[in-house]
C-alpha atoms as a PDB file:
ATOM      1  CA  MET A   1      -2.156  -2.891  -2.174  1.00  0.00           C
ATOM      2  CA  PHE A   2      -4.260   0.037  -3.206  1.00  0.00           C
ATOM      3  CA  PHE A   3      -5.548   1.748   0.361  1.00  0.00           C
ATOM      4  CA  GLY A   4      -9.220   2.501  -1.057  1.00  0.00           C
ATOM      5  CA  ASP A   5      -9.461  -1.241  -1.205  1.00  0.00           C
ATOM      6  CA  LEU A   6      -9.466  -1.687   2.814  1.00  0.00           C
ATOM      7  CA  SER A   7     -12.688  -0.039   3.770  1.00  0.00           C
ATOM      8  CA  SER A   8     -16.033   0.234   2.796  1.00  0.00           C
ATOM      9  CA  THR A   9     -16.921   2.582  -0.064  1.00  0.00           C
ATOM     10  CA  GLU A  10     -20.218   3.139   1.297  1.00  0.00           C
ATOM     11  CA  SER A  11     -19.783   3.502   4.784  1.00  0.00           C
ATOM     12  CA  LYS A  12     -15.851   4.605   4.391  1.00  0.00           C
ATOM     13  CA  GLU A  13     -15.136   2.102   7.609  1.00  0.00           C
ATOM     14  CA  LEU A  14     -11.816   0.030   7.673  1.00  0.00           C
ATOM     15  CA  TYR A  15     -12.588  -3.330   6.844  1.00  0.00           C
ATOM     16  CA  ASP A  16     -12.821  -5.788   9.745  1.00  0.00           C
ATOM     17  CA  ASP A  17      -9.186  -7.797  10.974  1.00  0.00           C
ATOM     18  CA  GLU A  18     -10.340 -11.211   9.258  1.00  0.00           C
ATOM     19  CA  LYS A  19     -10.870  -9.574   5.879  1.00  0.00           C
ATOM     20  CA  LEU A  20      -7.985  -7.167   6.121  1.00  0.00           C
ATOM     21  CA  ARG A  21      -5.732 -10.239   7.149  1.00  0.00           C
ATOM     22  CA  LYS A  22      -7.133 -12.087   3.911  1.00  0.00           C
ATOM     23  CA  THR A  23      -5.987  -9.447   1.843  1.00  0.00           C
ATOM     24  CA  PHE A  24      -2.737  -9.064   2.680  1.00  0.00           C
ATOM     25  CA  GLU A  25      -1.907 -12.797   3.623  1.00  0.00           C
ATOM     26  CA  GLU A  26      -2.663 -13.262  -0.080  1.00  0.00           C
ATOM     27  CA  SER A  27       0.502 -10.963  -1.150  1.00  0.00           C
ATOM     28  CA  GLY A  28       2.510 -12.307   1.529  1.00  0.00           C
ATOM     29  CA  ALA A  29       3.128  -9.149   3.360  1.00  0.00           C
ATOM     30  CA  LEU A  30       2.145 -10.705   6.680  1.00  0.00           C
ATOM     31  CA  ASP A  31       4.859 -13.567   6.369  1.00  0.00           C
ATOM     32  CA  PRO A  32       6.733 -12.641   9.484  1.00  0.00           C
ATOM     33  CA  ASP A  33      10.078 -13.322   7.945  1.00  0.00           C
ATOM     34  CA  LYS A  34       9.708 -10.542   5.158  1.00  0.00           C
ATOM     35  CA  LYS A  35      10.133  -6.882   5.439  1.00  0.00           C
ATOM     36  CA  VAL A  36       7.529  -5.065   3.849  1.00  0.00           C
ATOM     37  CA  ILE A  37       8.386  -1.424   2.149  1.00  0.00           C
ATOM     38  CA  THR A  38       5.026   0.212   0.941  1.00  0.00           C
ATOM     39  CA  TYR A  39       5.246   2.922  -1.304  1.00  0.00           C
ATOM     40  CA  CYS A  40       3.224   5.755  -3.207  1.00  0.00           C
ATOM     41  CA  GLY A  41       3.207   8.766  -4.467  1.00  0.00           C
ATOM     42  CA  SER A  42       4.233  10.955  -1.698  1.00  0.00           C
ATOM     43  CA  GLY A  43       3.449   8.812   1.258  1.00  0.00           C
ATOM     44  CA  ILE A  44      -0.125   9.177   2.689  1.00  0.00           C
ATOM     45  CA  ALA A  45      -1.288   5.984   1.376  1.00  0.00           C
ATOM     46  CA  ALA A  46       1.755   4.070   2.253  1.00  0.00           C
ATOM     47  CA  THR A  47       1.748   5.257   5.458  1.00  0.00           C
ATOM     48  CA  TRP A  48      -2.071   3.966   5.622  1.00  0.00           C
ATOM     49  CA  ASN A  49      -1.145   0.552   4.774  1.00  0.00           C
ATOM     50  CA  ALA A  50       1.908   0.511   6.884  1.00  0.00           C
ATOM     51  CA  LEU A  51      -0.256   1.364   9.959  1.00  0.00           C
ATOM     52  CA  ILE A  52      -2.750  -1.722   8.872  1.00  0.00           C
ATOM     53  CA  LEU A  53       0.197  -4.025   8.378  1.00  0.00           C
ATOM     54  CA  ASN A  54       1.292  -3.051  12.090  1.00  0.00           C
ATOM     55  CA  LYS A  55      -2.587  -3.319  13.167  1.00  0.00           C
ATOM     56  CA  LEU A  56      -2.291  -6.892  11.389  1.00  0.00           C
ATOM     57  CA  GLY A  57       1.166  -8.224  13.664  1.00  0.00           C
ATOM     58  CA  GLN A  58       3.373  -7.107  11.044  1.00  0.00           C
ATOM     59  CA  ASN A  59       6.077  -5.495  12.476  1.00  0.00           C
ATOM     60  CA  ASN A  60       8.904  -5.665   9.829  1.00  0.00           C
ATOM     61  CA  VAL A  61       7.557  -2.779   7.965  1.00  0.00           C
ATOM     62  CA  ALA A  62       9.057   0.266   6.320  1.00  0.00           C
ATOM     63  CA  MET A  63       7.227   2.880   4.446  1.00  0.00           C
ATOM     64  CA  TYR A  64       9.084   5.017   1.217  1.00  0.00           C
ATOM     65  CA  ASP A  65       7.878   8.084   1.460  1.00  0.00           C
ATOM     66  CA  GLY A  66       7.907  10.039  -2.044  1.00  0.00           C
ATOM     67  CA  SER A  67       8.819   6.857  -3.929  1.00  0.00           C
ATOM     68  CA  MET A  68       6.769   7.163  -6.694  1.00  0.00           C
ATOM     69  CA  THR A  69       7.480  10.916  -7.392  1.00  0.00           C
ATOM     70  CA  GLU A  70      11.131  10.217  -6.992  1.00  0.00           C
ATOM     71  CA  TRP A  71      10.941   7.359  -9.829  1.00  0.00           C
ATOM     72  CA  ALA A  72       8.593   9.504 -11.919  1.00  0.00           C
ATOM     73  CA  ASP A  73      11.071  12.483 -12.067  1.00  0.00           C
ATOM     74  CA  ASP A  74      14.102  10.336 -13.449  1.00  0.00           C
ATOM     75  CA  PRO A  75      13.119  10.082 -17.170  1.00  0.00           C
ATOM     76  CA  LYS A  76      15.673   6.696 -17.304  1.00  0.00           C
ATOM     77  CA  LEU A  77      12.955   4.895 -15.336  1.00  0.00           C
ATOM     78  CA  PRO A  78      10.545   2.930 -17.034  1.00  0.00           C
ATOM     79  CA  LEU A  79       6.987   4.105 -15.862  1.00  0.00           C
ATOM     80  CA  ASP A  80       3.646   2.790 -17.872  1.00  0.00           C
ATOM     81  CA  THR A  81       1.042   5.818 -18.066  1.00  0.00           C
ATOM     82  CA  VAL A  82      -2.898   5.674 -18.839  1.00  0.00           C
ATOM     83  CA  GLU A  83      -4.388   8.231 -21.102  1.00  0.00           C
ATOM     84  CA  LYS A  84      -7.882   9.244 -19.989  1.00  0.00           C
ATOM     85  CA  GLU A  85     -10.310   9.121 -22.894  1.00  0.00           C
ATOM     86  CA  LYS A  86     -11.601  12.972 -23.618  1.00  0.00           C
END
């Protein structure tokens, strides 16, 4: 879940709990029988998502800080990239 999709682009305010709940339910992240692990490049977005999941009642959340940085540092691991047009 991209952290930027959890708030209004105009007002920068976090969406209400109903909208957030719907978003996370679609991914299965609010299932109380699942452990959810959030990840991102360095930990900021992952922390944000973990905080929102806790706010919505998912207490089985872990945050893997630096996960994408760690993955990208290993040349043996697959990584798709998109080049920007010049």
